[in-house]
Each structure stands twice: as structure tokens, then as C-alpha cells.
Amino acid sequence: MLASLAQMERELTLERTHAGLAAARQLGRIGGRKRQMTDSKIASAKKLLATGVSPKEVAQNLGVSIPTLYRWVPAGQCT
């Protein structure tokens, strides 16, 4: 008996959550973290890497980690 009540409560919670997310989407809100690398940061990184600045220095200047830098500017595009 208690298990069926718990299951019903869980389904109601899921239903309310989905309704809230749908309402937020209609208002133009999207979830998740903000991007660390903006378009201007990507362009700056490409310019710096093309001039011979080390990836470590570029990442420090932009305030991101080296893996984040390489995620947005793959090693083949650095030159």
C-alpha cells in the first residue's frame, strides 16, 4: 500500500518537474552552465596560438583550462 503511494508521489513530482521545465523553455530560459569559451575568446585563442604563444599561456590568459582550450580550438587548428 505504501509502495503504491510512493510511486504515485514520484510520478506527480516528475509531472510537475516536466511542466516547470516546459514553462521555462517557453520563457526562453535554458538550463546548464554558461559556456566558458565565447566566440571572442575562441578568436583570441586562435590568434595567440598562431603567433606562437604556448597553449598553457593562452589558457591562463583566457581563464580556462588547457583541455577546455583544446576542446574549442583543436590542435590541428592552432597554426
Protein backbone atom coordinates (compact mmCIF):
# COMPACT_ATOMS: atom_id res chain seq x y z
CA MET A 1 0.00 0.00 0.00
CA LEU A 2 2.75 2.44 0.94
CA ALA A 3 4.76 1.50 -2.14
CA SER A 4 1.89 2.44 -4.43
CA LEU A 5 1.52 5.81 -2.68
CA ALA A 6 5.26 6.43 -3.02
CA GLN A 7 5.11 5.58 -6.71
CA MET A 8 2.16 7.93 -7.24
CA GLU A 9 4.01 10.73 -5.44
CA ARG A 10 7.09 10.13 -7.60
CA GLU A 11 5.01 10.34 -10.78
CA LEU A 12 3.42 13.59 -9.59
CA THR A 13 6.86 15.04 -8.86
CA LEU A 14 8.09 14.09 -12.33
CA GLU A 15 5.00 15.58 -13.92
CA ARG A 16 5.46 18.88 -12.06
CA THR A 17 9.16 18.97 -12.95
CA HIS A 18 8.49 18.45 -16.65
CA ALA A 19 5.77 21.10 -16.60
CA GLY A 20 8.13 23.57 -14.94
CA LEU A 21 10.89 22.90 -17.46
CA ALA A 22 8.47 23.33 -20.35
CA ALA A 23 7.24 26.63 -18.92
CA ALA A 24 10.83 27.85 -18.52
CA ARG A 25 11.63 26.91 -22.14
CA GLN A 26 8.63 28.92 -23.33
CA LEU A 27 10.04 31.93 -21.48
CA GLY A 28 13.35 31.48 -23.29
CA ARG A 29 15.33 30.02 -20.42
CA ILE A 30 17.60 27.09 -20.99
CA GLY A 31 19.38 25.08 -18.34
CA GLY A 32 23.01 24.20 -17.88
CA ARG A 33 26.22 26.06 -17.30
CA LYS A 34 27.25 29.05 -19.34
CA ARG A 35 29.94 28.47 -21.93
CA GLN A 36 33.45 29.26 -20.78
CA MET A 37 34.68 29.95 -24.31
CA THR A 38 32.79 32.73 -26.04
CA ASP A 39 33.22 33.44 -29.74
CA SER A 40 35.60 36.32 -28.98
CA LYS A 41 37.71 34.10 -26.70
CA ILE A 42 37.93 31.46 -29.42
CA ALA A 43 39.07 34.05 -31.96
CA SER A 44 41.64 35.43 -29.49
CA ALA A 45 42.93 31.93 -28.75
CA LYS A 46 43.38 31.18 -32.45
CA LYS A 47 45.28 34.44 -32.98
CA LEU A 48 47.54 33.88 -29.98
CA LEU A 49 48.27 30.27 -30.89
CA ALA A 50 49.04 31.27 -34.49
CA THR A 51 51.61 33.80 -33.27
CA GLY A 52 53.44 31.12 -31.30
CA VAL A 53 52.18 31.67 -27.75
CA SER A 54 52.14 28.42 -25.81
CA PRO A 55 48.76 26.77 -25.15
CA LYS A 56 49.41 26.96 -21.40
CA GLU A 57 49.84 30.75 -21.54
CA VAL A 58 46.79 31.17 -23.79
CA ALA A 59 44.65 29.13 -21.40
CA GLN A 60 45.87 31.16 -18.41
CA ASN A 61 45.19 34.45 -20.22
CA LEU A 62 41.65 33.40 -21.12
CA GLY A 63 40.90 31.93 -17.70
CA VAL A 64 40.22 28.40 -18.90
CA SER A 65 41.95 25.05 -18.57
CA ILE A 66 44.14 23.59 -21.31
CA PRO A 67 41.63 20.78 -22.07
CA THR A 68 38.88 23.42 -22.47
CA LEU A 69 41.11 25.37 -24.83
CA TYR A 70 41.77 22.27 -26.95
CA ARG A 71 38.08 21.33 -26.89
CA TRP A 72 37.19 24.60 -28.60
CA VAL A 73 40.37 25.05 -30.63
CA PRO A 74 41.66 21.61 -31.66
CA ALA A 75 45.43 21.19 -32.02
CA GLY A 76 45.21 21.00 -35.83
CA GLN A 77 43.62 24.46 -35.99
CA CYS A 78 46.24 26.15 -33.80
CA THR A 79 48.53 27.12 -36.66
